[in-house]
Amino acid sequence: MSAQRVLPFDTLRIKEVRDLFADDYGNIYLYKNKDFSFTKYDSLGKQLGKLMFTVPFKVQGVQNPLSIALFSENAQEMKFVDQNLNEIQKLDFKQKFTYIKHAYAEDLQQVWLLDESTKRLLQYNFRNDTTINSYPFDASFDDLIDLLVFENKVYILTKNQFRVYNLKFEKLYETPVENAKRLRRENEFILVVSKNSIFKYIPEKELIKIFQDPDVQIVEKNSLAYFEIKGNKLYLYNFENSTDSKIDPVIESRKNDTEKTVEELMKEKSETPDVIKLLEEIQDLGF
């Protein structure tokens, strides 16, 4: 496997990070549970924004960096922040619901809420403050880690299982997952992110492993690459070097290589195979 790159993030910033996110513009987001901080950096390690919370918040994802949703079970509220991590909207669930266990923002108008007290899944339009639908949810709330709703399917992640239901809560699929952390949607696919692996769900068929490194602290992906925190350093892998088995040890790049942005690194990786192919075709023609 060809050498991968160490992104320019010092040990102090990586240390004690609980979760890692990467958007498709090459920006990196780090969440620390120790001080409940959520910080955004560009691909060169420059800080672009920072949030400090007084209670834990769960980051839903950064696929839309213009509107990032964060939910706090402790505070019973959901926040939306912009690309600079400035708050643009806050939903206070205490004013309308009894106790929300999980919240998933479907878009900029609707959220799905798992109400623990009534044992129901609610589709709530926060723009006009109305509950659109309410579905009975008879599964256990105790070991739930994450919830996602997409195209009339409910995706549930527990401490050791991944489950899929329809809105009648008939189980469509179930499989064990170790060290599960969160769910995310990537176009029409649902991904399961665990401590050291990323899985893709093939609807009602199987959960396939698309990235794994048993020795890492955290893994993440965007549409361009995979990222991992390993030994308090942040590494980048492109898709060609992913594997369903253990990743080979990373070879650190030269110092000047770390000054390149994620976009430049991805461009280099995508252009190199085309040049090699062109040279081979020229040789085949006898030149």
C-alpha atoms as a PDB file:
ATOM      1  CA  MET A   1       0.000   0.000   0.000  1.00  0.00           C
ATOM      2  CA  SER A   2       1.323   3.438  -0.892  1.00  0.00           C
ATOM      3  CA  ALA A   3       2.242   5.900   1.816  1.00  0.00           C
ATOM      4  CA  GLN A   4      -0.562   7.950   3.309  1.00  0.00           C
ATOM      5  CA  ARG A   5      -0.459  11.444   4.763  1.00  0.00           C
ATOM      6  CA  VAL A   6      -0.307  12.726   8.301  1.00  0.00           C
ATOM      7  CA  LEU A   7      -2.491  15.800   8.466  1.00  0.00           C
ATOM      8  CA  PRO A   8      -0.962  18.775  10.322  1.00  0.00           C
ATOM      9  CA  PHE A   9      -2.792  18.478  13.654  1.00  0.00           C
ATOM     10  CA  ASP A  10      -0.598  18.524  16.740  1.00  0.00           C
ATOM     11  CA  THR A  11      -0.943  16.022  19.569  1.00  0.00           C
ATOM     12  CA  LEU A  12      -2.447  18.591  21.926  1.00  0.00           C
ATOM     13  CA  ARG A  13      -5.462  19.149  19.664  1.00  0.00           C
ATOM     14  CA  ILE A  14      -5.971  15.439  18.961  1.00  0.00           C
ATOM     15  CA  LYS A  15      -5.543  14.295  22.573  1.00  0.00           C
ATOM     16  CA  GLU A  16      -8.767  13.391  24.415  1.00  0.00           C
ATOM     17  CA  VAL A  17     -10.908  13.735  21.269  1.00  0.00           C
ATOM     18  CA  ARG A  18     -14.095  11.705  21.613  1.00  0.00           C
ATOM     19  CA  ASP A  19     -15.330  12.019  18.041  1.00  0.00           C
ATOM     20  CA  LEU A  20     -14.049  13.094  14.633  1.00  0.00           C
ATOM     21  CA  PHE A  21     -15.993  14.488  11.665  1.00  0.00           C
ATOM     22  CA  ALA A  22     -14.908  15.530   8.156  1.00  0.00           C
ATOM     23  CA  ASP A  23     -17.001  17.432   5.621  1.00  0.00           C
ATOM     24  CA  ASP A  24     -16.551  17.299   1.847  1.00  0.00           C
ATOM     25  CA  TYR A  25     -14.627  20.587   1.799  1.00  0.00           C
ATOM     26  CA  GLY A  26     -11.720  19.056   3.715  1.00  0.00           C
ATOM     27  CA  ASN A  27     -12.638  20.640   7.050  1.00  0.00           C
ATOM     28  CA  ILE A  28     -12.087  18.643  10.233  1.00  0.00           C
ATOM     29  CA  TYR A  29     -14.323  18.792  13.328  1.00  0.00           C
ATOM     30  CA  LEU A  30     -13.201  17.532  16.739  1.00  0.00           C
ATOM     31  CA  TYR A  31     -15.517  16.927  19.705  1.00  0.00           C
ATOM     32  CA  LYS A  32     -14.025  16.570  23.181  1.00  0.00           C
ATOM     33  CA  ASN A  33     -16.174  15.132  25.951  1.00  0.00           C
ATOM     34  CA  LYS A  34     -13.823  16.390  28.679  1.00  0.00           C
ATOM     35  CA  ASP A  35     -14.791  20.046  28.209  1.00  0.00           C
ATOM     36  CA  PHE A  36     -17.769  19.553  25.833  1.00  0.00           C
ATOM     37  CA  SER A  37     -15.998  21.486  23.084  1.00  0.00           C
ATOM     38  CA  PHE A  38     -16.702  21.239  19.347  1.00  0.00           C
ATOM     39  CA  THR A  39     -14.002  22.780  17.133  1.00  0.00           C
ATOM     40  CA  LYS A  40     -13.743  23.203  13.363  1.00  0.00           C
ATOM     41  CA  TYR A  41     -10.398  23.318  11.488  1.00  0.00           C
ATOM     42  CA  ASP A  42      -9.440  23.572   7.859  1.00  0.00           C
ATOM     43  CA  SER A  43      -7.233  20.890   6.265  1.00  0.00           C
ATOM     44  CA  LEU A  44      -4.059  22.747   7.310  1.00  0.00           C
ATOM     45  CA  GLY A  45      -5.056  22.776  10.967  1.00  0.00           C
ATOM     46  CA  LYS A  46      -6.230  26.400  11.159  1.00  0.00           C
ATOM     47  CA  GLN A  47      -9.112  26.869  13.616  1.00  0.00           C
ATOM     48  CA  LEU A  48     -12.266  28.152  11.928  1.00  0.00           C
ATOM     49  CA  GLY A  49     -14.730  28.043  14.815  1.00  0.00           C
ATOM     50  CA  LYS A  50     -15.342  26.656  18.289  1.00  0.00           C
ATOM     51  CA  LEU A  51     -18.315  25.879  20.533  1.00  0.00           C
ATOM     52  CA  MET A  52     -18.150  25.330  24.289  1.00  0.00           C
ATOM     53  CA  PHE A  53     -21.122  23.588  25.903  1.00  0.00           C
ATOM     54  CA  THR A  54     -22.069  23.236  29.569  1.00  0.00           C
ATOM     55  CA  VAL A  55     -23.681  19.808  28.972  1.00  0.00           C
ATOM     56  CA  PRO A  56     -22.889  16.976  26.520  1.00  0.00           C
ATOM     57  CA  PHE A  57     -24.170  17.348  22.967  1.00  0.00           C
ATOM     58  CA  LYS A  58     -24.294  14.720  20.227  1.00  0.00           C
ATOM     59  CA  VAL A  59     -23.234  15.916  16.769  1.00  0.00           C
ATOM     60  CA  GLN A  60     -25.534  14.456  14.117  1.00  0.00           C
ATOM     61  CA  GLY A  61     -23.087  14.953  11.259  1.00  0.00           C
ATOM     62  CA  VAL A  62     -21.398  17.545   9.043  1.00  0.00           C
ATOM     63  CA  GLN A  63     -22.654  16.475   5.607  1.00  0.00           C
ATOM     64  CA  ASN A  64     -24.312  19.890   5.393  1.00  0.00           C
ATOM     65  CA  PRO A  65     -21.687  22.194   6.958  1.00  0.00           C
ATOM     66  CA  LEU A  66     -24.019  25.201   6.540  1.00  0.00           C
ATOM     67  CA  SER A  67     -26.458  23.732   9.061  1.00  0.00           C
ATOM     68  CA  ILE A  68     -25.032  21.263  11.592  1.00  0.00           C
ATOM     69  CA  ALA A  69     -27.488  19.677  14.034  1.00  0.00           C
ATOM     70  CA  LEU A  70     -26.534  18.901  17.635  1.00  0.00           C
ATOM     71  CA  PHE A  71     -28.784  17.241  20.251  1.00  0.00           C
ATOM     72  CA  SER A  72     -28.458  17.190  24.032  1.00  0.00           C
ATOM     73  CA  GLU A  73     -30.483  14.659  25.997  1.00  0.00           C
ATOM     74  CA  ASN A  74     -29.415  16.381  29.225  1.00  0.00           C
ATOM     75  CA  ALA A  75     -30.607  19.823  28.132  1.00  0.00           C
ATOM     76  CA  GLN A  76     -33.558  18.440  26.107  1.00  0.00           C
ATOM     77  CA  GLU A  77     -32.747  20.708  23.194  1.00  0.00           C
ATOM     78  CA  MET A  78     -31.391  20.684  19.661  1.00  0.00           C
ATOM     79  CA  LYS A  79     -29.142  23.371  18.193  1.00  0.00           C
ATOM     80  CA  PHE A  80     -28.370  24.214  14.570  1.00  0.00           C
ATOM     81  CA  VAL A  81     -25.083  25.984  13.832  1.00  0.00           C
ATOM     82  CA  ASP A  82     -23.704  27.499  10.627  1.00  0.00           C
ATOM     83  CA  GLN A  83     -20.342  27.038   8.879  1.00  0.00           C
ATOM     84  CA  ASN A  84     -18.652  29.238  11.500  1.00  0.00           C
ATOM     85  CA  LEU A  85     -20.305  27.260  14.351  1.00  0.00           C
ATOM     86  CA  ASN A  86     -22.530  30.220  15.209  1.00  0.00           C
ATOM     87  CA  GLU A  87     -25.943  29.191  16.536  1.00  0.00           C
ATOM     88  CA  ILE A  88     -28.717  29.863  14.017  1.00  0.00           C
ATOM     89  CA  GLN A  89     -31.613  28.080  15.748  1.00  0.00           C
ATOM     90  CA  LYS A  90     -32.464  26.267  18.974  1.00  0.00           C
ATOM     91  CA  LEU A  91     -35.343  23.860  19.667  1.00  0.00           C
ATOM     92  CA  ASP A  92     -36.421  23.496  23.300  1.00  0.00           C
ATOM     93  CA  PHE A  93     -38.199  20.164  23.636  1.00  0.00           C
ATOM     94  CA  LYS A  94     -39.047  20.708  27.329  1.00  0.00           C
ATOM     95  CA  GLN A  95     -41.735  23.177  26.298  1.00  0.00           C
ATOM     96  CA  LYS A  96     -43.683  20.669  24.218  1.00  0.00           C
ATOM     97  CA  PHE A  97     -42.629  17.070  25.004  1.00  0.00           C
ATOM     98  CA  THR A  98     -42.089  15.011  28.149  1.00  0.00           C
ATOM     99  CA  TYR A  99     -38.669  13.430  27.628  1.00  0.00           C
ATOM    100  CA  ILE A 100     -36.885  13.038  24.293  1.00  0.00           C
ATOM    101  CA  LYS A 101     -34.322  10.234  24.222  1.00  0.00           C
ATOM    102  CA  HIS A 102     -33.031  10.772  20.681  1.00  0.00           C
ATOM    103  CA  ALA A 103     -33.546  13.388  17.968  1.00  0.00           C
ATOM    104  CA  TYR A 104     -32.718  13.221  14.260  1.00  0.00           C
ATOM    105  CA  ALA A 105     -32.997  16.282  11.999  1.00  0.00           C
ATOM    106  CA  GLU A 106     -34.309  15.098   8.642  1.00  0.00           C
ATOM    107  CA  ASP A 107     -33.994  18.518   7.005  1.00  0.00           C
ATOM    108  CA  LEU A 108     -34.331  22.213   7.847  1.00  0.00           C
ATOM    109  CA  GLN A 109     -38.008  21.805   8.729  1.00  0.00           C
ATOM    110  CA  GLN A 110     -38.536  18.415  10.342  1.00  0.00           C
ATOM    111  CA  VAL A 111     -37.015  16.343  13.126  1.00  0.00           C
ATOM    112  CA  TRP A 112     -37.747  12.806  14.291  1.00  0.00           C
ATOM    113  CA  LEU A 113     -38.055  12.472  18.064  1.00  0.00           C
ATOM    114  CA  LEU A 114     -38.003   9.359  20.204  1.00  0.00           C
ATOM    115  CA  ASP A 115     -40.212  10.145  23.204  1.00  0.00           C
ATOM    116  CA  GLU A 116     -39.223   7.845  26.059  1.00  0.00           C
ATOM    117  CA  SER A 117     -42.212   8.675  28.264  1.00  0.00           C
ATOM    118  CA  THR A 118     -44.876   7.864  25.671  1.00  0.00           C
ATOM    119  CA  LYS A 119     -42.853   5.163  23.855  1.00  0.00           C
ATOM    120  CA  ARG A 120     -43.508   6.803  20.508  1.00  0.00           C
ATOM    121  CA  LEU A 121     -41.563   8.033  17.480  1.00  0.00           C
ATOM    122  CA  LEU A 122     -42.701  11.525  16.527  1.00  0.00           C
ATOM    123  CA  GLN A 123     -42.300  13.387  13.244  1.00  0.00           C
ATOM    124  CA  TYR A 124     -42.216  17.030  14.261  1.00  0.00           C
ATOM    125  CA  ASN A 125     -42.238  20.096  12.010  1.00  0.00           C
ATOM    126  CA  PHE A 126     -40.467  22.746  14.037  1.00  0.00           C
ATOM    127  CA  ARG A 127     -41.088  25.482  11.478  1.00  0.00           C
ATOM    128  CA  ASN A 128     -44.812  25.530  12.211  1.00  0.00           C
ATOM    129  CA  ASP A 129     -44.647  23.747  15.615  1.00  0.00           C
ATOM    130  CA  THR A 130     -46.812  20.761  14.676  1.00  0.00           C
ATOM    131  CA  THR A 131     -46.490  17.004  15.208  1.00  0.00           C
ATOM    132  CA  ILE A 132     -47.101  15.475  11.780  1.00  0.00           C
ATOM    133  CA  ASN A 133     -47.086  11.776  12.715  1.00  0.00           C
ATOM    134  CA  SER A 134     -46.788   9.608  15.791  1.00  0.00           C
ATOM    135  CA  TYR A 135     -45.760   5.935  15.707  1.00  0.00           C
ATOM    136  CA  PRO A 136     -45.690   3.426  18.593  1.00  0.00           C
ATOM    137  CA  PHE A 137     -42.165   2.304  19.490  1.00  0.00           C
ATOM    138  CA  ASP A 138     -42.115  -0.828  21.624  1.00  0.00           C
ATOM    139  CA  ALA A 139     -38.374  -1.589  21.506  1.00  0.00           C
ATOM    140  CA  SER A 140     -36.103  -1.058  24.505  1.00  0.00           C
ATOM    141  CA  PHE A 141     -34.709   2.427  25.070  1.00  0.00           C
ATOM    142  CA  ASP A 142     -32.027   1.356  27.531  1.00  0.00           C
ATOM    143  CA  ASP A 143     -29.165   0.499  25.172  1.00  0.00           C
ATOM    144  CA  LEU A 144     -29.991   2.857  22.278  1.00  0.00           C
ATOM    145  CA  ILE A 145     -27.026   4.784  20.928  1.00  0.00           C
ATOM    146  CA  ASP A 146     -28.349   6.406  17.761  1.00  0.00           C
ATOM    147  CA  LEU A 147     -31.441   6.788  15.586  1.00  0.00           C
ATOM    148  CA  LEU A 148     -31.904   7.660  11.900  1.00  0.00           C
ATOM    149  CA  VAL A 149     -35.034   7.792   9.723  1.00  0.00           C
ATOM    150  CA  PHE A 150     -34.878   7.644   5.932  1.00  0.00           C
ATOM    151  CA  GLU A 151     -37.469   6.714   3.276  1.00  0.00           C
ATOM    152  CA  ASN A 152     -39.961   5.275   5.784  1.00  0.00           C
ATOM    153  CA  LYS A 153     -37.317   3.110   7.440  1.00  0.00           C
ATOM    154  CA  VAL A 154     -36.149   3.508  11.025  1.00  0.00           C
ATOM    155  CA  TYR A 155     -32.502   2.657  11.687  1.00  0.00           C
ATOM    156  CA  ILE A 156     -31.582   1.878  15.275  1.00  0.00           C
ATOM    157  CA  LEU A 157     -28.089   1.440  16.691  1.00  0.00           C
ATOM    158  CA  THR A 158     -27.630  -0.141  20.107  1.00  0.00           C
ATOM    159  CA  LYS A 159     -24.492  -0.985  22.056  1.00  0.00           C
ATOM    160  CA  ASN A 160     -24.034  -4.224  20.134  1.00  0.00           C
ATOM    161  CA  GLN A 161     -26.652  -4.369  17.342  1.00  0.00           C
ATOM    162  CA  PHE A 162     -27.813  -2.617  14.192  1.00  0.00           C
ATOM    163  CA  ARG A 163     -31.543  -2.903  13.451  1.00  0.00           C
ATOM    164  CA  VAL A 164     -33.870  -1.725  10.696  1.00  0.00           C
ATOM    165  CA  TYR A 165     -37.650  -1.302  11.113  1.00  0.00           C
ATOM    166  CA  ASN A 166     -40.497   0.015   9.008  1.00  0.00           C
ATOM    167  CA  LEU A 167     -42.772   2.667  10.509  1.00  0.00           C
ATOM    168  CA  LYS A 168     -45.035  -0.059  11.887  1.00  0.00           C
ATOM    169  CA  PHE A 169     -41.944  -1.185  13.804  1.00  0.00           C
ATOM    170  CA  GLU A 170     -41.802  -4.521  12.083  1.00  0.00           C
ATOM    171  CA  LYS A 171     -38.191  -5.642  12.128  1.00  0.00           C
ATOM    172  CA  LEU A 172     -36.662  -5.869   8.647  1.00  0.00           C
ATOM    173  CA  TYR A 173     -33.039  -6.544   9.499  1.00  0.00           C
ATOM    174  CA  GLU A 174     -30.774  -7.137  12.476  1.00  0.00           C
ATOM    175  CA  THR A 175     -27.070  -7.883  12.872  1.00  0.00           C
ATOM    176  CA  PRO A 176     -24.480  -7.607  15.665  1.00  0.00           C
ATOM    177  CA  VAL A 177     -21.980  -4.715  15.638  1.00  0.00           C
ATOM    178  CA  GLU A 178     -19.141  -4.344  18.129  1.00  0.00           C
ATOM    179  CA  ASN A 179     -18.155  -0.985  19.633  1.00  0.00           C
ATOM    180  CA  ALA A 180     -20.864   0.863  17.694  1.00  0.00           C
ATOM    181  CA  LYS A 181     -20.789   4.678  17.896  1.00  0.00           C
ATOM    182  CA  ARG A 182     -23.172   6.349  15.440  1.00  0.00           C
ATOM    183  CA  LEU A 183     -25.204   6.217  12.250  1.00  0.00           C
ATOM    184  CA  ARG A 184     -24.920   8.470   9.242  1.00  0.00           C
ATOM    185  CA  ARG A 185     -26.565   8.709   5.833  1.00  0.00           C
ATOM    186  CA  GLU A 186     -24.494   9.065   2.671  1.00  0.00           C
ATOM    187  CA  ASN A 187     -26.815   9.611  -0.290  1.00  0.00           C
ATOM    188  CA  GLU A 188     -29.037   6.506  -0.412  1.00  0.00           C
ATOM    189  CA  PHE A 189     -26.805   4.406   1.851  1.00  0.00           C
ATOM    190  CA  ILE A 190     -26.782   4.111   5.623  1.00  0.00           C
ATOM    191  CA  LEU A 191     -23.380   3.808   7.291  1.00  0.00           C
ATOM    192  CA  VAL A 192     -22.551   2.442  10.721  1.00  0.00           C
ATOM    193  CA  VAL A 193     -19.465   3.942  12.341  1.00  0.00           C
ATOM    194  CA  SER A 194     -17.852   1.946  15.136  1.00  0.00           C
ATOM    195  CA  LYS A 195     -14.710   2.581  17.132  1.00  0.00           C
ATOM    196  CA  ASN A 196     -12.343   1.215  14.463  1.00  0.00           C
ATOM    197  CA  SER A 197     -14.533   0.240  11.488  1.00  0.00           C
ATOM    198  CA  ILE A 198     -17.062   1.678   9.045  1.00  0.00           C
ATOM    199  CA  PHE A 199     -19.881  -0.448   7.589  1.00  0.00           C
ATOM    200  CA  LYS A 200     -22.289   0.112   4.700  1.00  0.00           C
ATOM    201  CA  TYR A 201     -25.821  -1.284   4.834  1.00  0.00           C
ATOM    202  CA  ILE A 202     -27.040  -3.092   1.719  1.00  0.00           C
ATOM    203  CA  PRO A 203     -30.843  -2.826   2.181  1.00  0.00           C
ATOM    204  CA  GLU A 204     -32.321  -5.938   3.783  1.00  0.00           C
ATOM    205  CA  LYS A 205     -29.309  -8.029   2.713  1.00  0.00           C
ATOM    206  CA  GLU A 206     -26.138  -7.406   4.692  1.00  0.00           C
ATOM    207  CA  LEU A 207     -23.876  -4.989   6.503  1.00  0.00           C
ATOM    208  CA  ILE A 208     -20.518  -4.908   4.731  1.00  0.00           C
ATOM    209  CA  LYS A 209     -17.271  -3.609   6.184  1.00  0.00           C
ATOM    210  CA  ILE A 210     -15.731  -0.895   4.000  1.00  0.00           C
ATOM    211  CA  PHE A 211     -12.919   0.274   6.292  1.00  0.00           C
ATOM    212  CA  GLN A 212     -11.119  -1.134   9.325  1.00  0.00           C
ATOM    213  CA  ASP A 213      -8.021  -0.551  11.410  1.00  0.00           C
ATOM    214  CA  PRO A 214      -8.042  -2.442  14.725  1.00  0.00           C
ATOM    215  CA  ASP A 215      -5.371  -0.225  16.278  1.00  0.00           C
ATOM    216  CA  VAL A 216      -7.023   3.199  15.918  1.00  0.00           C
ATOM    217  CA  GLN A 217      -8.846   5.424  18.378  1.00  0.00           C
ATOM    218  CA  ILE A 218     -11.451   6.892  15.983  1.00  0.00           C
ATOM    219  CA  VAL A 219     -12.428   6.463  12.306  1.00  0.00           C
ATOM    220  CA  GLU A 220     -14.421   8.741   9.966  1.00  0.00           C
ATOM    221  CA  LYS A 221     -15.053   9.277   6.240  1.00  0.00           C
ATOM    222  CA  ASN A 222     -16.308  11.873   3.784  1.00  0.00           C
ATOM    223  CA  SER A 223     -16.950  11.442   0.044  1.00  0.00           C
ATOM    224  CA  LEU A 224     -13.221  11.738  -0.754  1.00  0.00           C
ATOM    225  CA  ALA A 225     -11.348   9.772   1.882  1.00  0.00           C
ATOM    226  CA  TYR A 226     -11.193   7.908   5.163  1.00  0.00           C
ATOM    227  CA  PHE A 227      -9.743   9.520   8.268  1.00  0.00           C
ATOM    228  CA  GLU A 228      -8.451   8.019  11.488  1.00  0.00           C
ATOM    229  CA  ILE A 229      -6.920   9.130  14.752  1.00  0.00           C
ATOM    230  CA  LYS A 230      -4.104   6.812  15.701  1.00  0.00           C
ATOM    231  CA  GLY A 231      -1.439   7.445  18.308  1.00  0.00           C
ATOM    232  CA  ASN A 232      -2.737  11.001  18.749  1.00  0.00           C
ATOM    233  CA  LYS A 233      -2.123  11.764  15.060  1.00  0.00           C
ATOM    234  CA  LEU A 234      -4.654  12.343  12.295  1.00  0.00           C
ATOM    235  CA  TYR A 235      -4.202  10.247   9.134  1.00  0.00           C
ATOM    236  CA  LEU A 236      -5.889  10.316   5.727  1.00  0.00           C
ATOM    237  CA  TYR A 237      -6.534   7.331   3.416  1.00  0.00           C
ATOM    238  CA  ASN A 238      -8.066   7.516  -0.026  1.00  0.00           C
ATOM    239  CA  PHE A 239     -10.608   4.947  -1.167  1.00  0.00           C
ATOM    240  CA  GLU A 240      -8.111   2.921  -3.214  1.00  0.00           C
ATOM    241  CA  ASN A 241      -6.191   2.011  -0.070  1.00  0.00           C
ATOM    242  CA  SER A 242      -9.159   0.921   2.038  1.00  0.00           C
ATOM    243  CA  THR A 243      -9.479  -2.755   2.890  1.00  0.00           C
ATOM    244  CA  ASP A 244     -11.774  -5.127   4.717  1.00  0.00           C
ATOM    245  CA  SER A 245      -8.849  -6.384   6.748  1.00  0.00           C
ATOM    246  CA  LYS A 246      -6.244  -4.662   8.887  1.00  0.00           C
ATOM    247  CA  ILE A 247      -4.746  -1.494   7.414  1.00  0.00           C
ATOM    248  CA  ASP A 248      -0.989  -1.603   6.910  1.00  0.00           C
ATOM    249  CA  PRO A 249       1.108   0.763   9.072  1.00  0.00           C
ATOM    250  CA  VAL A 250       1.009   4.369   7.886  1.00  0.00           C
ATOM    251  CA  ILE A 251       4.223   5.830   6.510  1.00  0.00           C
ATOM    252  CA  GLU A 252       4.541   9.468   7.549  1.00  0.00           C
ATOM    253  CA  SER A 253       5.019  11.940   4.713  1.00  0.00           C
ATOM    254  CA  ARG A 254       7.837  14.442   4.452  1.00  0.00           C
ATOM    255  CA  LYS A 255       7.330  17.705   6.310  1.00  0.00           C
ATOM    256  CA  ASN A 256       6.539  19.739   3.199  1.00  0.00           C
ATOM    257  CA  ASP A 257       3.867  17.231   2.158  1.00  0.00           C
ATOM    258  CA  THR A 258       1.839  18.024   5.261  1.00  0.00           C
ATOM    259  CA  GLU A 259       1.392  21.591   4.009  1.00  0.00           C
ATOM    260  CA  LYS A 260      -0.811  20.363   1.180  1.00  0.00           C
ATOM    261  CA  THR A 261      -4.569  20.515   1.540  1.00  0.00           C
ATOM    262  CA  VAL A 262      -6.858  17.489   1.506  1.00  0.00           C
ATOM    263  CA  GLU A 263      -8.180  18.556  -1.899  1.00  0.00           C
ATOM    264  CA  GLU A 264      -4.654  18.631  -3.362  1.00  0.00           C
ATOM    265  CA  LEU A 265      -3.841  15.238  -1.924  1.00  0.00           C
ATOM    266  CA  MET A 266      -7.003  13.734  -3.396  1.00  0.00           C
ATOM    267  CA  LYS A 267      -6.245  15.337  -6.771  1.00  0.00           C
ATOM    268  CA  GLU A 268      -2.764  13.794  -6.773  1.00  0.00           C
ATOM    269  CA  LYS A 269      -4.196  10.382  -5.964  1.00  0.00           C
ATOM    270  CA  SER A 270      -6.865  10.605  -8.682  1.00  0.00           C
ATOM    271  CA  GLU A 271      -4.515  11.879 -11.409  1.00  0.00           C
ATOM    272  CA  THR A 272      -1.577   9.476 -10.891  1.00  0.00           C
ATOM    273  CA  PRO A 273      -3.309   6.269 -12.087  1.00  0.00           C
ATOM    274  CA  ASP A 274      -4.412   8.033 -15.322  1.00  0.00           C
ATOM    275  CA  VAL A 275      -0.812   9.018 -16.168  1.00  0.00           C
ATOM    276  CA  ILE A 276       0.447   5.498 -15.554  1.00  0.00           C
ATOM    277  CA  LYS A 277      -2.323   4.080 -17.692  1.00  0.00           C
ATOM    278  CA  LEU A 278      -1.478   6.499 -20.520  1.00  0.00           C
ATOM    279  CA  LEU A 279       2.208   5.499 -20.467  1.00  0.00           C
ATOM    280  CA  GLU A 280       1.277   1.816 -20.592  1.00  0.00           C
ATOM    281  CA  GLU A 281      -1.014   2.413 -23.577  1.00  0.00           C
ATOM    282  CA  ILE A 282       1.799   4.288 -25.422  1.00  0.00           C
ATOM    283  CA  GLN A 283       4.194   1.367 -24.793  1.00  0.00           C
ATOM    284  CA  ASP A 284       1.595  -1.094 -26.107  1.00  0.00           C
ATOM    285  CA  LEU A 285       1.510   0.872 -29.373  1.00  0.00           C
ATOM    286  CA  GLY A 286       5.256   0.380 -29.784  1.00  0.00           C
ATOM    287  CA  PHE A 287       6.479   3.916 -29.081  1.00  0.00           C
END
